[in-house]
Amino acid sequence: MAHAFHDPMGVESLPEVSPTDLLQAWKEVLHRASLVKTHTISREQLSVREHMTLILRKLQNRKFVEFFDLFDTTCGVPVVVVHFIAMLELTREGLVRITQADAYAPVYVRLGYEELD
């Protein structure tokens, strides 16, 4: 049978916390709180068809365009997502081709049909 000694009168001693330690812990709490941002969701009408037209216009009279050059990242994430969906739809319809020469090489977008002069 095992026995353990318990002193009910003993005082539990906790490690000391310096003001510097407390300040550092508070800064960490503030940092973590700043990572959680609230978002206001507003309804914005974004047309995939309109973005398809924009992409086709950018590709007119050009042999190819680098993939990243087709996106205006200053417009925000929702617009970029709709623009990407538009590019995928154009690719599915055969109106646009997305190519890459080698692995890790730049990705290019070009019209999927020959333009008539």
C-alpha atoms as a PDB file:
ATOM      1  CA  MET A   1       0.000   0.000   0.000  1.00  0.00           C
ATOM      2  CA  ALA A   2       1.379   3.457  -0.960  1.00  0.00           C
ATOM      3  CA  HIS A   3       1.368   6.353   1.471  1.00  0.00           C
ATOM      4  CA  ALA A   4       1.588  10.091   0.722  1.00  0.00           C
ATOM      5  CA  PHE A   5       2.186  12.911   3.124  1.00  0.00           C
ATOM      6  CA  HIS A   6      -0.199  15.870   2.929  1.00  0.00           C
ATOM      7  CA  ASP A   7       0.351  18.920   5.067  1.00  0.00           C
ATOM      8  CA  PRO A   8      -3.010  20.762   5.241  1.00  0.00           C
ATOM      9  CA  MET A   9      -1.294  23.717   6.907  1.00  0.00           C
ATOM     10  CA  GLY A  10       1.271  24.071   4.107  1.00  0.00           C
ATOM     11  CA  VAL A  11       0.942  27.168   1.985  1.00  0.00           C
ATOM     12  CA  GLU A  12       1.108  26.720  -1.758  1.00  0.00           C
ATOM     13  CA  SER A  13       3.813  28.983  -3.125  1.00  0.00           C
ATOM     14  CA  LEU A  14       3.314  30.327  -6.634  1.00  0.00           C
ATOM     15  CA  PRO A  15       6.090  31.800  -8.728  1.00  0.00           C
ATOM     16  CA  GLU A  16       6.424  35.562  -8.647  1.00  0.00           C
ATOM     17  CA  VAL A  17       5.209  37.534 -11.657  1.00  0.00           C
ATOM     18  CA  SER A  18       7.157  40.663 -12.391  1.00  0.00           C
ATOM     19  CA  PRO A  19       5.542  43.768 -13.918  1.00  0.00           C
ATOM     20  CA  THR A  20       7.575  43.087 -17.059  1.00  0.00           C
ATOM     21  CA  ASP A  21       6.156  39.562 -17.301  1.00  0.00           C
ATOM     22  CA  LEU A  22       2.640  40.913 -16.815  1.00  0.00           C
ATOM     23  CA  LEU A  23       3.190  43.574 -19.474  1.00  0.00           C
ATOM     24  CA  GLN A  24       4.467  40.954 -21.922  1.00  0.00           C
ATOM     25  CA  ALA A  25       1.439  38.732 -21.244  1.00  0.00           C
ATOM     26  CA  TRP A  26      -0.883  41.720 -21.794  1.00  0.00           C
ATOM     27  CA  LYS A  27       0.825  42.567 -25.095  1.00  0.00           C
ATOM     28  CA  GLU A  28       0.293  38.970 -26.227  1.00  0.00           C
ATOM     29  CA  VAL A  29      -3.415  39.190 -25.356  1.00  0.00           C
ATOM     30  CA  LEU A  30      -3.719  42.419 -27.358  1.00  0.00           C
ATOM     31  CA  HIS A  31      -1.871  40.853 -30.278  1.00  0.00           C
ATOM     32  CA  ARG A  32      -4.171  37.840 -30.320  1.00  0.00           C
ATOM     33  CA  ALA A  33      -7.232  40.081 -30.071  1.00  0.00           C
ATOM     34  CA  SER A  34      -6.021  42.136 -33.024  1.00  0.00           C
ATOM     35  CA  LEU A  35      -5.917  38.995 -35.161  1.00  0.00           C
ATOM     36  CA  VAL A  36      -9.676  38.575 -34.787  1.00  0.00           C
ATOM     37  CA  LYS A  37     -11.272  41.159 -36.990  1.00  0.00           C
ATOM     38  CA  THR A  38     -14.920  41.779 -37.507  1.00  0.00           C
ATOM     39  CA  HIS A  39     -16.214  41.966 -41.034  1.00  0.00           C
ATOM     40  CA  THR A  40     -19.171  43.844 -42.313  1.00  0.00           C
ATOM     41  CA  ILE A  41     -20.837  41.932 -45.083  1.00  0.00           C
ATOM     42  CA  SER A  42     -22.543  43.981 -47.709  1.00  0.00           C
ATOM     43  CA  ARG A  43     -24.320  42.752 -50.751  1.00  0.00           C
ATOM     44  CA  GLU A  44     -22.549  43.652 -53.951  1.00  0.00           C
ATOM     45  CA  GLN A  45     -23.748  42.670 -57.384  1.00  0.00           C
ATOM     46  CA  LEU A  46     -20.880  41.012 -59.224  1.00  0.00           C
ATOM     47  CA  SER A  47     -21.488  39.585 -62.653  1.00  0.00           C
ATOM     48  CA  VAL A  48     -19.362  36.696 -63.890  1.00  0.00           C
ATOM     49  CA  ARG A  49     -20.456  37.524 -67.461  1.00  0.00           C
ATOM     50  CA  GLU A  50     -19.230  41.113 -67.102  1.00  0.00           C
ATOM     51  CA  HIS A  51     -15.866  39.882 -65.892  1.00  0.00           C
ATOM     52  CA  MET A  52     -15.704  37.407 -68.762  1.00  0.00           C
ATOM     53  CA  THR A  53     -16.128  40.349 -71.138  1.00  0.00           C
ATOM     54  CA  LEU A  54     -13.404  42.310 -69.322  1.00  0.00           C
ATOM     55  CA  ILE A  55     -10.964  39.415 -69.669  1.00  0.00           C
ATOM     56  CA  LEU A  56     -11.708  38.970 -73.366  1.00  0.00           C
ATOM     57  CA  ARG A  57     -11.178  42.703 -73.937  1.00  0.00           C
ATOM     58  CA  LYS A  58      -7.811  42.593 -72.159  1.00  0.00           C
ATOM     59  CA  LEU A  59      -6.723  39.706 -74.363  1.00  0.00           C
ATOM     60  CA  GLN A  60      -7.804  41.308 -77.642  1.00  0.00           C
ATOM     61  CA  ASN A  61      -4.938  42.138 -79.988  1.00  0.00           C
ATOM     62  CA  ARG A  62      -2.450  40.519 -77.629  1.00  0.00           C
ATOM     63  CA  LYS A  63      -0.715  37.219 -78.148  1.00  0.00           C
ATOM     64  CA  PHE A  64      -0.810  36.364 -74.442  1.00  0.00           C
ATOM     65  CA  VAL A  65      -1.005  37.997 -71.007  1.00  0.00           C
ATOM     66  CA  GLU A  66       0.649  36.850 -67.818  1.00  0.00           C
ATOM     67  CA  PHE A  67      -1.942  35.383 -65.455  1.00  0.00           C
ATOM     68  CA  PHE A  68      -1.286  37.856 -62.616  1.00  0.00           C
ATOM     69  CA  ASP A  69      -1.626  40.844 -64.955  1.00  0.00           C
ATOM     70  CA  LEU A  70      -5.289  40.010 -65.513  1.00  0.00           C
ATOM     71  CA  PHE A  71      -6.167  40.696 -61.870  1.00  0.00           C
ATOM     72  CA  ASP A  72      -6.604  44.032 -60.135  1.00  0.00           C
ATOM     73  CA  THR A  73      -5.938  43.073 -56.536  1.00  0.00           C
ATOM     74  CA  THR A  74      -6.812  46.570 -55.305  1.00  0.00           C
ATOM     75  CA  CYS A  75     -10.503  45.804 -55.919  1.00  0.00           C
ATOM     76  CA  GLY A  76     -10.726  43.373 -53.018  1.00  0.00           C
ATOM     77  CA  VAL A  77     -11.171  39.662 -52.593  1.00  0.00           C
ATOM     78  CA  PRO A  78     -14.809  39.319 -53.781  1.00  0.00           C
ATOM     79  CA  VAL A  79     -14.017  40.974 -57.122  1.00  0.00           C
ATOM     80  CA  VAL A  80     -10.864  38.887 -57.586  1.00  0.00           C
ATOM     81  CA  VAL A  81     -12.805  35.683 -56.864  1.00  0.00           C
ATOM     82  CA  VAL A  82     -15.519  36.563 -59.398  1.00  0.00           C
ATOM     83  CA  HIS A  83     -12.826  37.458 -61.948  1.00  0.00           C
ATOM     84  CA  PHE A  84     -11.155  34.075 -61.392  1.00  0.00           C
ATOM     85  CA  ILE A  85     -14.479  32.268 -61.797  1.00  0.00           C
ATOM     86  CA  ALA A  86     -14.993  34.211 -65.028  1.00  0.00           C
ATOM     87  CA  MET A  87     -11.588  33.043 -66.270  1.00  0.00           C
ATOM     88  CA  LEU A  88     -12.423  29.436 -65.416  1.00  0.00           C
ATOM     89  CA  GLU A  89     -15.736  29.739 -67.255  1.00  0.00           C
ATOM     90  CA  LEU A  90     -14.000  31.182 -70.334  1.00  0.00           C
ATOM     91  CA  THR A  91     -11.533  28.299 -70.218  1.00  0.00           C
ATOM     92  CA  ARG A  92     -14.352  25.763 -69.921  1.00  0.00           C
ATOM     93  CA  GLU A  93     -16.051  27.320 -72.942  1.00  0.00           C
ATOM     94  CA  GLY A  94     -12.803  27.190 -74.929  1.00  0.00           C
ATOM     95  CA  LEU A  95     -12.636  30.966 -75.350  1.00  0.00           C
ATOM     96  CA  VAL A  96      -9.437  31.245 -73.293  1.00  0.00           C
ATOM     97  CA  ARG A  97      -6.437  28.975 -72.877  1.00  0.00           C
ATOM     98  CA  ILE A  98      -4.188  28.938 -69.843  1.00  0.00           C
ATOM     99  CA  THR A  99      -0.656  27.706 -70.550  1.00  0.00           C
ATOM    100  CA  GLN A 100       2.684  27.230 -68.849  1.00  0.00           C
ATOM    101  CA  ALA A 101       5.955  26.291 -70.583  1.00  0.00           C
ATOM    102  CA  ASP A 102       7.559  24.429 -67.682  1.00  0.00           C
ATOM    103  CA  ALA A 103       6.929  23.633 -64.050  1.00  0.00           C
ATOM    104  CA  TYR A 104       7.265  26.802 -61.950  1.00  0.00           C
ATOM    105  CA  ALA A 105       7.363  28.937 -65.093  1.00  0.00           C
ATOM    106  CA  PRO A 106       4.987  31.883 -65.421  1.00  0.00           C
ATOM    107  CA  VAL A 107       1.382  31.086 -66.269  1.00  0.00           C
ATOM    108  CA  TYR A 108       0.010  32.798 -69.367  1.00  0.00           C
ATOM    109  CA  VAL A 109      -3.503  33.343 -70.651  1.00  0.00           C
ATOM    110  CA  ARG A 110      -4.378  33.729 -74.313  1.00  0.00           C
ATOM    111  CA  LEU A 111      -7.449  33.651 -76.465  1.00  0.00           C
ATOM    112  CA  GLY A 112      -8.597  30.140 -77.279  1.00  0.00           C
ATOM    113  CA  TYR A 113      -9.496  31.050 -80.838  1.00  0.00           C
ATOM    114  CA  GLU A 114      -7.793  32.921 -83.646  1.00  0.00           C
ATOM    115  CA  GLU A 115      -8.880  36.518 -83.996  1.00  0.00           C
ATOM    116  CA  LEU A 116      -9.981  37.638 -87.424  1.00  0.00           C
ATOM    117  CA  ASP A 117      -8.092  40.711 -88.673  1.00  0.00           C
END
